[in-house]
N, C-alpha and C. Protein backbone atom coordinates (compact mmCIF):
# COMPACT_ATOMS: atom_id res chain seq x y z
N MET A 1 2.69 2.94 3.55
CA MET A 1 3.30 1.90 2.76
C MET A 1 2.23 1.23 1.91
N THR A 2 2.56 0.92 0.68
CA THR A 2 1.62 0.25 -0.22
C THR A 2 1.69 -1.24 0.02
N GLU A 3 0.55 -1.87 0.18
CA GLU A 3 0.47 -3.31 0.38
C GLU A 3 -0.42 -3.90 -0.69
N TYR A 4 -0.03 -5.04 -1.20
CA TYR A 4 -0.86 -5.78 -2.13
C TYR A 4 -1.45 -6.95 -1.39
N ASP A 5 -2.65 -7.31 -1.76
CA ASP A 5 -3.29 -8.47 -1.16
C ASP A 5 -3.02 -9.68 -2.06
N ILE A 6 -1.72 -10.01 -2.23
CA ILE A 6 -1.31 -11.12 -3.07
C ILE A 6 -0.46 -12.04 -2.20
N GLN A 7 -0.84 -13.31 -2.19
CA GLN A 7 -0.03 -14.25 -1.43
C GLN A 7 1.24 -14.56 -2.22
N GLY A 8 2.28 -14.96 -1.51
CA GLY A 8 3.51 -15.40 -2.16
C GLY A 8 3.31 -16.84 -2.62
N PRO A 9 4.41 -17.53 -2.90
CA PRO A 9 4.29 -18.93 -3.32
C PRO A 9 3.55 -19.74 -2.26
N THR A 10 2.57 -20.52 -2.70
CA THR A 10 1.76 -21.29 -1.75
C THR A 10 2.34 -22.66 -1.45
N ARG A 11 3.15 -23.17 -2.38
CA ARG A 11 3.72 -24.52 -2.28
C ARG A 11 2.63 -25.59 -2.32
N VAL A 12 1.45 -25.22 -2.85
CA VAL A 12 0.33 -26.16 -3.02
C VAL A 12 -0.21 -25.98 -4.43
N CYS A 13 -0.40 -27.09 -5.14
CA CYS A 13 -0.91 -27.06 -6.51
C CYS A 13 -2.38 -26.65 -6.50
N THR A 14 -2.70 -25.61 -7.24
CA THR A 14 -4.07 -25.13 -7.34
C THR A 14 -4.99 -26.18 -7.95
N ALA A 15 -4.50 -26.94 -8.93
CA ALA A 15 -5.34 -27.91 -9.65
C ALA A 15 -5.58 -29.18 -8.85
N THR A 16 -4.55 -29.67 -8.13
CA THR A 16 -4.67 -30.98 -7.48
C THR A 16 -4.72 -30.91 -5.96
N GLY A 17 -4.27 -29.80 -5.38
CA GLY A 17 -4.20 -29.69 -3.92
C GLY A 17 -2.96 -30.35 -3.34
N ARG A 18 -2.12 -30.92 -4.21
CA ARG A 18 -0.90 -31.60 -3.77
C ARG A 18 0.14 -30.59 -3.29
N GLU A 19 0.82 -30.92 -2.20
CA GLU A 19 1.90 -30.08 -1.70
C GLU A 19 3.08 -30.16 -2.66
N LEU A 20 3.64 -29.01 -2.99
CA LEU A 20 4.82 -28.96 -3.84
C LEU A 20 6.05 -29.11 -2.95
N LYS A 21 6.84 -30.11 -3.22
CA LYS A 21 8.01 -30.45 -2.39
C LYS A 21 9.27 -29.75 -2.93
N PRO A 22 10.27 -29.58 -2.06
CA PRO A 22 11.54 -29.00 -2.52
C PRO A 22 12.08 -29.77 -3.72
N GLY A 23 12.50 -29.03 -4.73
CA GLY A 23 13.02 -29.62 -5.96
C GLY A 23 11.96 -29.82 -7.03
N ASP A 24 10.66 -29.76 -6.67
CA ASP A 24 9.58 -29.92 -7.65
C ASP A 24 9.56 -28.73 -8.60
N ARG A 25 9.33 -29.02 -9.85
CA ARG A 25 9.13 -27.96 -10.85
C ARG A 25 7.67 -27.51 -10.74
N PHE A 26 7.44 -26.21 -10.88
CA PHE A 26 6.09 -25.66 -10.79
C PHE A 26 5.90 -24.58 -11.84
N PHE A 27 4.65 -24.24 -12.07
CA PHE A 27 4.27 -23.08 -12.87
C PHE A 27 3.45 -22.18 -11.98
N ALA A 28 3.54 -20.88 -12.22
CA ALA A 28 2.75 -19.92 -11.46
C ALA A 28 2.11 -18.95 -12.45
N ALA A 29 0.94 -18.48 -12.09
CA ALA A 29 0.22 -17.51 -12.93
C ALA A 29 -0.25 -16.36 -12.05
N LEU A 30 -0.13 -15.17 -12.56
CA LEU A 30 -0.63 -13.97 -11.90
C LEU A 30 -1.80 -13.48 -12.73
N THR A 31 -2.98 -13.40 -12.10
CA THR A 31 -4.19 -12.95 -12.81
C THR A 31 -4.78 -11.74 -12.10
N GLU A 32 -5.55 -10.99 -12.85
CA GLU A 32 -6.27 -9.86 -12.26
C GLU A 32 -7.72 -10.29 -12.15
N THR A 33 -8.21 -10.35 -10.92
CA THR A 33 -9.58 -10.78 -10.65
C THR A 33 -10.23 -9.77 -9.73
N ASP A 34 -11.33 -9.19 -10.15
CA ASP A 34 -12.06 -8.20 -9.36
C ASP A 34 -11.13 -7.08 -8.87
N GLY A 35 -10.23 -6.63 -9.74
CA GLY A 35 -9.33 -5.53 -9.39
C GLY A 35 -8.18 -5.92 -8.49
N LYS A 36 -7.98 -7.20 -8.24
CA LYS A 36 -6.89 -7.67 -7.39
C LYS A 36 -5.96 -8.56 -8.21
N LEU A 37 -4.66 -8.53 -7.89
CA LEU A 37 -3.71 -9.43 -8.51
C LEU A 37 -3.62 -10.69 -7.66
N VAL A 38 -3.84 -11.85 -8.28
CA VAL A 38 -3.91 -13.13 -7.56
C VAL A 38 -2.89 -14.09 -8.17
N ARG A 39 -2.10 -14.75 -7.31
CA ARG A 39 -1.12 -15.73 -7.76
C ARG A 39 -1.66 -17.13 -7.53
N SER A 40 -1.47 -18.01 -8.53
CA SER A 40 -1.85 -19.43 -8.42
C SER A 40 -0.64 -20.26 -8.81
N ASP A 41 -0.33 -21.29 -8.03
CA ASP A 41 0.78 -22.20 -8.30
C ASP A 41 0.26 -23.54 -8.77
N PHE A 42 0.99 -24.19 -9.68
CA PHE A 42 0.59 -25.49 -10.24
C PHE A 42 1.80 -26.41 -10.29
N ALA A 43 1.59 -27.69 -9.96
CA ALA A 43 2.62 -28.70 -10.21
C ALA A 43 2.82 -28.77 -11.72
N ALA A 44 4.04 -29.03 -12.17
CA ALA A 44 4.33 -29.04 -13.61
C ALA A 44 3.40 -29.98 -14.37
N GLU A 45 3.12 -31.15 -13.79
CA GLU A 45 2.28 -32.13 -14.49
C GLU A 45 0.80 -31.74 -14.52
N ALA A 46 0.40 -30.76 -13.70
CA ALA A 46 -1.00 -30.34 -13.64
C ALA A 46 -1.22 -28.98 -14.31
N TRP A 47 -0.17 -28.43 -14.91
CA TRP A 47 -0.27 -27.10 -15.52
C TRP A 47 -1.17 -27.15 -16.74
N PRO A 48 -2.31 -26.42 -16.72
CA PRO A 48 -3.22 -26.44 -17.87
C PRO A 48 -2.85 -25.42 -18.95
N GLY A 49 -1.79 -24.68 -18.71
CA GLY A 49 -1.43 -23.57 -19.60
C GLY A 49 -1.88 -22.28 -18.95
N PRO A 50 -1.44 -21.16 -19.48
CA PRO A 50 -1.77 -19.89 -18.84
C PRO A 50 -3.26 -19.57 -18.92
N PRO A 51 -3.82 -19.05 -17.82
CA PRO A 51 -5.22 -18.64 -17.85
C PRO A 51 -5.42 -17.51 -18.86
N GLN A 52 -6.61 -17.40 -19.38
CA GLN A 52 -6.91 -16.39 -20.38
C GLN A 52 -6.69 -14.97 -19.84
N ASN A 53 -6.94 -14.76 -18.56
CA ASN A 53 -6.80 -13.42 -17.98
C ASN A 53 -5.46 -13.24 -17.26
N ALA A 54 -4.44 -14.02 -17.65
CA ALA A 54 -3.13 -13.95 -16.99
C ALA A 54 -2.45 -12.61 -17.27
N VAL A 55 -1.94 -12.01 -16.21
CA VAL A 55 -1.10 -10.83 -16.33
C VAL A 55 0.32 -11.30 -16.64
N ALA A 56 0.71 -12.43 -16.02
CA ALA A 56 2.02 -13.04 -16.25
C ALA A 56 1.97 -14.49 -15.83
N TYR A 57 2.91 -15.27 -16.34
CA TYR A 57 3.07 -16.64 -15.88
C TYR A 57 4.54 -17.02 -16.06
N TRP A 58 5.00 -17.96 -15.25
CA TRP A 58 6.40 -18.36 -15.27
C TRP A 58 6.54 -19.74 -14.65
N SER A 59 7.73 -20.30 -14.73
CA SER A 59 7.99 -21.59 -14.11
C SER A 59 9.23 -21.49 -13.23
N GLY A 60 9.39 -22.45 -12.36
CA GLY A 60 10.54 -22.48 -11.47
C GLY A 60 10.60 -23.80 -10.74
N LYS A 61 11.48 -23.86 -9.75
CA LYS A 61 11.60 -25.03 -8.89
C LYS A 61 11.45 -24.58 -7.46
N VAL A 62 10.77 -25.41 -6.66
CA VAL A 62 10.64 -25.12 -5.23
C VAL A 62 12.04 -25.24 -4.63
N PRO A 63 12.50 -24.23 -3.89
CA PRO A 63 13.85 -24.27 -3.34
C PRO A 63 14.03 -25.42 -2.35
N ILE A 64 15.24 -25.93 -2.32
CA ILE A 64 15.59 -26.99 -1.38
C ILE A 64 16.08 -26.33 -0.09
N ALA A 65 15.53 -26.80 1.06
CA ALA A 65 15.89 -26.22 2.35
C ALA A 65 17.40 -26.29 2.56
N GLY A 66 17.94 -25.23 3.09
CA GLY A 66 19.37 -25.18 3.39
C GLY A 66 20.23 -24.71 2.24
N GLN A 67 19.67 -24.70 1.02
CA GLN A 67 20.43 -24.20 -0.11
C GLN A 67 20.42 -22.68 -0.06
N LYS A 68 21.57 -22.11 -0.29
CA LYS A 68 21.66 -20.66 -0.31
C LYS A 68 20.89 -20.14 -1.52
N PRO A 69 19.94 -19.24 -1.27
CA PRO A 69 19.16 -18.73 -2.41
C PRO A 69 20.04 -17.96 -3.37
N ARG A 70 19.76 -18.15 -4.66
CA ARG A 70 20.49 -17.40 -5.68
C ARG A 70 19.98 -15.97 -5.71
N LYS A 71 20.85 -15.10 -6.15
CA LYS A 71 20.41 -13.73 -6.38
C LYS A 71 19.35 -13.79 -7.48
N PRO A 72 18.23 -13.08 -7.30
CA PRO A 72 17.17 -13.18 -8.30
C PRO A 72 17.62 -12.73 -9.68
N VAL A 73 17.21 -13.48 -10.66
CA VAL A 73 17.46 -13.11 -12.05
C VAL A 73 16.21 -12.39 -12.53
N VAL A 74 16.38 -11.14 -12.89
CA VAL A 74 15.25 -10.36 -13.36
C VAL A 74 15.05 -10.67 -14.84
N ASN A 75 13.91 -11.19 -15.15
CA ASN A 75 13.57 -11.55 -16.52
C ASN A 75 12.88 -10.34 -17.15
N ASP A 76 13.62 -9.63 -17.99
CA ASP A 76 13.09 -8.41 -18.62
C ASP A 76 11.83 -8.69 -19.42
N ASP A 77 11.79 -9.82 -20.14
CA ASP A 77 10.63 -10.12 -20.97
C ASP A 77 9.38 -10.36 -20.12
N LEU A 78 9.54 -11.05 -18.98
CA LEU A 78 8.41 -11.28 -18.09
C LEU A 78 7.93 -9.95 -17.51
N LEU A 79 8.88 -9.11 -17.10
CA LEU A 79 8.53 -7.81 -16.55
C LEU A 79 7.82 -6.95 -17.61
N LEU A 80 8.31 -7.00 -18.84
CA LEU A 80 7.68 -6.25 -19.92
C LEU A 80 6.29 -6.79 -20.23
N ASP A 81 6.13 -8.11 -20.14
CA ASP A 81 4.82 -8.71 -20.37
C ASP A 81 3.82 -8.23 -19.31
N CYS A 82 4.23 -8.21 -18.05
CA CYS A 82 3.36 -7.68 -16.97
C CYS A 82 3.02 -6.23 -17.25
N PHE A 83 4.04 -5.45 -17.61
CA PHE A 83 3.85 -4.04 -17.92
C PHE A 83 2.77 -3.86 -19.01
N ASP A 84 2.91 -4.64 -20.10
CA ASP A 84 1.96 -4.52 -21.22
C ASP A 84 0.55 -4.94 -20.82
N ARG A 85 0.42 -6.01 -20.06
CA ARG A 85 -0.90 -6.51 -19.70
C ARG A 85 -1.64 -5.58 -18.73
N LEU A 86 -0.89 -4.76 -18.01
CA LEU A 86 -1.52 -3.82 -17.07
C LEU A 86 -1.77 -2.45 -17.72
N LYS A 87 -1.61 -2.36 -19.02
CA LYS A 87 -1.75 -1.08 -19.74
C LYS A 87 -3.07 -0.39 -19.44
N ASP A 88 -4.17 -1.13 -19.41
CA ASP A 88 -5.49 -0.53 -19.23
C ASP A 88 -5.99 -0.63 -17.80
N SER A 89 -5.15 -1.06 -16.88
CA SER A 89 -5.57 -1.20 -15.48
C SER A 89 -5.80 0.18 -14.86
N ALA A 90 -6.90 0.32 -14.16
CA ALA A 90 -7.21 1.59 -13.51
C ALA A 90 -7.14 1.48 -11.99
N ASP A 91 -7.00 0.24 -11.46
CA ASP A 91 -6.98 0.10 -10.01
C ASP A 91 -5.61 0.50 -9.48
N PRO A 92 -5.54 1.01 -8.25
CA PRO A 92 -4.28 1.50 -7.68
C PRO A 92 -3.16 0.46 -7.67
N ASP A 93 -3.45 -0.80 -7.35
CA ASP A 93 -2.41 -1.82 -7.34
C ASP A 93 -1.81 -2.00 -8.73
N GLY A 94 -2.65 -2.05 -9.75
CA GLY A 94 -2.18 -2.20 -11.11
C GLY A 94 -1.34 -1.01 -11.57
N LEU A 95 -1.79 0.21 -11.23
CA LEU A 95 -1.03 1.42 -11.58
C LEU A 95 0.33 1.43 -10.89
N ASN A 96 0.35 1.08 -9.60
CA ASN A 96 1.61 1.04 -8.85
C ASN A 96 2.55 -0.01 -9.42
N PHE A 97 2.01 -1.20 -9.69
CA PHE A 97 2.82 -2.30 -10.23
C PHE A 97 3.43 -1.88 -11.57
N ARG A 98 2.61 -1.29 -12.44
CA ARG A 98 3.08 -0.89 -13.77
C ARG A 98 4.13 0.22 -13.68
N TYR A 99 3.93 1.15 -12.77
CA TYR A 99 4.89 2.24 -12.60
C TYR A 99 6.24 1.71 -12.13
N VAL A 100 6.22 0.84 -11.13
CA VAL A 100 7.47 0.28 -10.62
C VAL A 100 8.12 -0.62 -11.67
N ALA A 101 7.33 -1.37 -12.43
CA ALA A 101 7.88 -2.16 -13.54
C ALA A 101 8.59 -1.23 -14.53
N THR A 102 8.02 -0.06 -14.79
CA THR A 102 8.64 0.92 -15.67
C THR A 102 10.00 1.36 -15.12
N LEU A 103 10.04 1.67 -13.82
CA LEU A 103 11.30 2.09 -13.21
C LEU A 103 12.34 0.99 -13.30
N LEU A 104 11.93 -0.26 -13.06
CA LEU A 104 12.87 -1.38 -13.15
C LEU A 104 13.37 -1.56 -14.59
N LEU A 105 12.47 -1.42 -15.55
CA LEU A 105 12.88 -1.55 -16.96
C LEU A 105 13.79 -0.39 -17.38
N MET A 106 13.59 0.79 -16.81
CA MET A 106 14.50 1.90 -17.07
C MET A 106 15.87 1.62 -16.45
N ARG A 107 15.86 1.10 -15.25
CA ARG A 107 17.11 0.78 -14.55
C ARG A 107 17.91 -0.26 -15.33
N ARG A 108 17.20 -1.18 -15.98
CA ARG A 108 17.84 -2.25 -16.74
C ARG A 108 18.13 -1.81 -18.19
N LYS A 109 17.88 -0.53 -18.48
CA LYS A 109 18.16 0.08 -19.78
C LYS A 109 17.29 -0.46 -20.91
N ARG A 110 16.17 -1.09 -20.55
CA ARG A 110 15.22 -1.55 -21.57
C ARG A 110 14.33 -0.39 -22.00
N PHE A 111 13.99 0.50 -21.06
CA PHE A 111 13.23 1.70 -21.37
C PHE A 111 14.14 2.91 -21.21
N LYS A 112 13.92 3.89 -22.06
CA LYS A 112 14.64 5.16 -21.99
C LYS A 112 13.64 6.26 -21.68
N PHE A 113 13.99 7.12 -20.74
CA PHE A 113 13.14 8.25 -20.39
C PHE A 113 13.11 9.22 -21.57
N GLU A 114 11.91 9.62 -21.97
CA GLU A 114 11.75 10.58 -23.05
C GLU A 114 11.29 11.94 -22.54
N ASP A 115 10.24 11.92 -21.67
CA ASP A 115 9.66 13.18 -21.23
C ASP A 115 8.70 12.91 -20.08
N ALA A 116 8.25 13.97 -19.46
CA ALA A 116 7.18 13.91 -18.45
C ALA A 116 6.12 14.91 -18.88
N ALA A 117 4.87 14.55 -18.66
CA ALA A 117 3.77 15.42 -19.09
C ALA A 117 2.58 15.22 -18.15
N ARG A 118 1.50 15.91 -18.45
CA ARG A 118 0.23 15.71 -17.75
C ARG A 118 -0.78 15.19 -18.76
N ASP A 119 -1.60 14.24 -18.30
CA ASP A 119 -2.63 13.72 -19.20
C ASP A 119 -3.89 14.58 -19.07
N ALA A 120 -4.92 14.19 -19.80
CA ALA A 120 -6.17 14.95 -19.83
C ALA A 120 -6.85 15.00 -18.46
N ASP A 121 -6.54 14.02 -17.60
CA ASP A 121 -7.11 13.99 -16.25
C ASP A 121 -6.27 14.75 -15.23
N GLY A 122 -5.18 15.40 -15.69
CA GLY A 122 -4.32 16.18 -14.80
C GLY A 122 -3.30 15.35 -14.04
N ARG A 123 -3.14 14.08 -14.42
CA ARG A 123 -2.17 13.22 -13.74
C ARG A 123 -0.80 13.35 -14.39
N ASP A 124 0.26 13.24 -13.58
CA ASP A 124 1.61 13.21 -14.12
C ASP A 124 1.83 11.89 -14.84
N VAL A 125 2.50 11.96 -15.98
CA VAL A 125 2.74 10.78 -16.81
C VAL A 125 4.21 10.76 -17.24
N LEU A 126 4.84 9.59 -17.10
CA LEU A 126 6.18 9.37 -17.64
C LEU A 126 6.02 8.91 -19.08
N ILE A 127 6.84 9.45 -19.95
CA ILE A 127 6.85 8.99 -21.33
C ILE A 127 8.20 8.30 -21.53
N VAL A 128 8.14 6.99 -21.85
CA VAL A 128 9.35 6.20 -22.01
C VAL A 128 9.33 5.52 -23.38
N ARG A 129 10.52 5.21 -23.87
CA ARG A 129 10.66 4.54 -25.16
C ARG A 129 11.33 3.19 -24.94
N ASP A 130 10.80 2.15 -25.56
CA ASP A 130 11.40 0.82 -25.51
C ASP A 130 12.69 0.87 -26.32
N ALA A 131 13.81 0.58 -25.69
CA ALA A 131 15.11 0.68 -26.35
C ALA A 131 15.25 -0.33 -27.49
N ARG A 132 14.53 -1.42 -27.44
CA ARG A 132 14.64 -2.45 -28.49
C ARG A 132 13.68 -2.18 -29.65
N GLY A 133 12.43 -1.95 -29.34
CA GLY A 133 11.44 -1.82 -30.42
C GLY A 133 11.09 -0.40 -30.77
N GLY A 134 11.44 0.54 -29.91
CA GLY A 134 11.13 1.93 -30.18
C GLY A 134 9.74 2.39 -29.79
N ALA A 135 8.91 1.48 -29.28
CA ALA A 135 7.55 1.84 -28.89
C ALA A 135 7.58 2.89 -27.78
N ILE A 136 6.66 3.83 -27.85
CA ILE A 136 6.54 4.88 -26.84
C ILE A 136 5.40 4.48 -25.89
N HIS A 137 5.65 4.60 -24.59
CA HIS A 137 4.65 4.25 -23.57
C HIS A 137 4.41 5.45 -22.66
N HIS A 138 3.16 5.65 -22.30
CA HIS A 138 2.76 6.68 -21.34
C HIS A 138 2.36 5.97 -20.06
N VAL A 139 3.02 6.29 -18.96
CA VAL A 139 2.82 5.58 -17.70
C VAL A 139 2.41 6.59 -16.63
N VAL A 140 1.25 6.37 -16.04
CA VAL A 140 0.76 7.25 -14.98
C VAL A 140 1.69 7.15 -13.77
N ASP A 141 2.08 8.30 -13.25
CA ASP A 141 2.90 8.35 -12.04
C ASP A 141 1.95 8.40 -10.84
N PRO A 142 1.90 7.32 -10.04
CA PRO A 142 0.98 7.31 -8.91
C PRO A 142 1.48 8.13 -7.72
N ARG A 143 2.60 8.83 -7.91
CA ARG A 143 3.16 9.74 -6.91
C ARG A 143 3.51 8.99 -5.61
N LEU A 144 4.23 7.89 -5.77
CA LEU A 144 4.70 7.11 -4.63
C LEU A 144 5.95 7.76 -4.06
N ASN A 145 6.09 7.69 -2.73
CA ASN A 145 7.35 8.16 -2.14
C ASN A 145 8.37 7.02 -2.22
N ASP A 146 9.62 7.30 -1.84
CA ASP A 146 10.69 6.30 -1.95
C ASP A 146 10.35 5.02 -1.19
N GLU A 147 9.78 5.17 -0.01
CA GLU A 147 9.42 3.99 0.79
C GLU A 147 8.36 3.14 0.09
N GLN A 148 7.39 3.80 -0.49
CA GLN A 148 6.33 3.09 -1.21
C GLN A 148 6.88 2.40 -2.46
N ILE A 149 7.78 3.06 -3.18
CA ILE A 149 8.39 2.45 -4.36
C ILE A 149 9.16 1.20 -3.96
N THR A 150 9.92 1.28 -2.88
CA THR A 150 10.68 0.12 -2.40
C THR A 150 9.73 -1.01 -2.02
N ALA A 151 8.62 -0.68 -1.35
CA ALA A 151 7.65 -1.70 -0.96
C ALA A 151 7.01 -2.36 -2.17
N VAL A 152 6.65 -1.56 -3.18
CA VAL A 152 6.04 -2.12 -4.39
C VAL A 152 7.08 -2.96 -5.14
N GLN A 153 8.32 -2.50 -5.22
CA GLN A 153 9.36 -3.27 -5.90
C GLN A 153 9.57 -4.61 -5.21
N THR A 154 9.61 -4.61 -3.90
CA THR A 154 9.75 -5.85 -3.14
C THR A 154 8.59 -6.77 -3.43
N GLU A 155 7.39 -6.20 -3.51
CA GLU A 155 6.20 -6.99 -3.79
C GLU A 155 6.24 -7.54 -5.22
N VAL A 156 6.69 -6.74 -6.17
CA VAL A 156 6.82 -7.21 -7.56
C VAL A 156 7.78 -8.40 -7.59
N PHE A 157 8.92 -8.28 -6.92
CA PHE A 157 9.88 -9.39 -6.87
C PHE A 157 9.29 -10.62 -6.21
N ARG A 158 8.56 -10.41 -5.12
CA ARG A 158 7.97 -11.55 -4.40
C ARG A 158 6.90 -12.24 -5.23
N VAL A 159 6.04 -11.45 -5.83
CA VAL A 159 4.95 -12.01 -6.63
C VAL A 159 5.49 -12.80 -7.81
N LEU A 160 6.53 -12.29 -8.45
CA LEU A 160 7.09 -12.96 -9.62
C LEU A 160 8.10 -14.04 -9.23
N GLY A 161 8.31 -14.25 -7.92
CA GLY A 161 9.19 -15.32 -7.47
C GLY A 161 10.67 -14.99 -7.61
N TRP A 162 11.02 -13.72 -7.61
CA TRP A 162 12.41 -13.31 -7.80
C TRP A 162 13.12 -12.99 -6.49
N GLU A 163 12.50 -13.29 -5.37
CA GLU A 163 13.18 -12.97 -4.11
C GLU A 163 13.87 -14.19 -3.57
């Protein structure tokens, strides 16, 4: 099973150290540091804006205890932004994240499958087309099995706060 060394929501503001209470608005940023994806949470009033090395950033509210969680809303633009920012990532976590983001974007009909090929390094590559802009993307297939894909997808949802 593929595991990421990324914590979920911390409920603590990175800038102030203040605990984020249920109902508080927050911002979160996902950055790539030393080949690892790292999540940082900020109270809305302490948000300095997205870090320069952000892979993604978003806002939300800390859930109120006892409230039934909503079904996650998948934000295609946020997912596409993560996909684009990981374009040059060579580390396994980044490749896995980008591949699963591709599968999710295909499932949501944002990407269309065009072809499969091998790159110069002998790796399998998916070739997909953005249904809106027409851009063609080459995505390395990290050869994950179904269980690994499910684990990475769950991690993508958790990291982006969609669970």
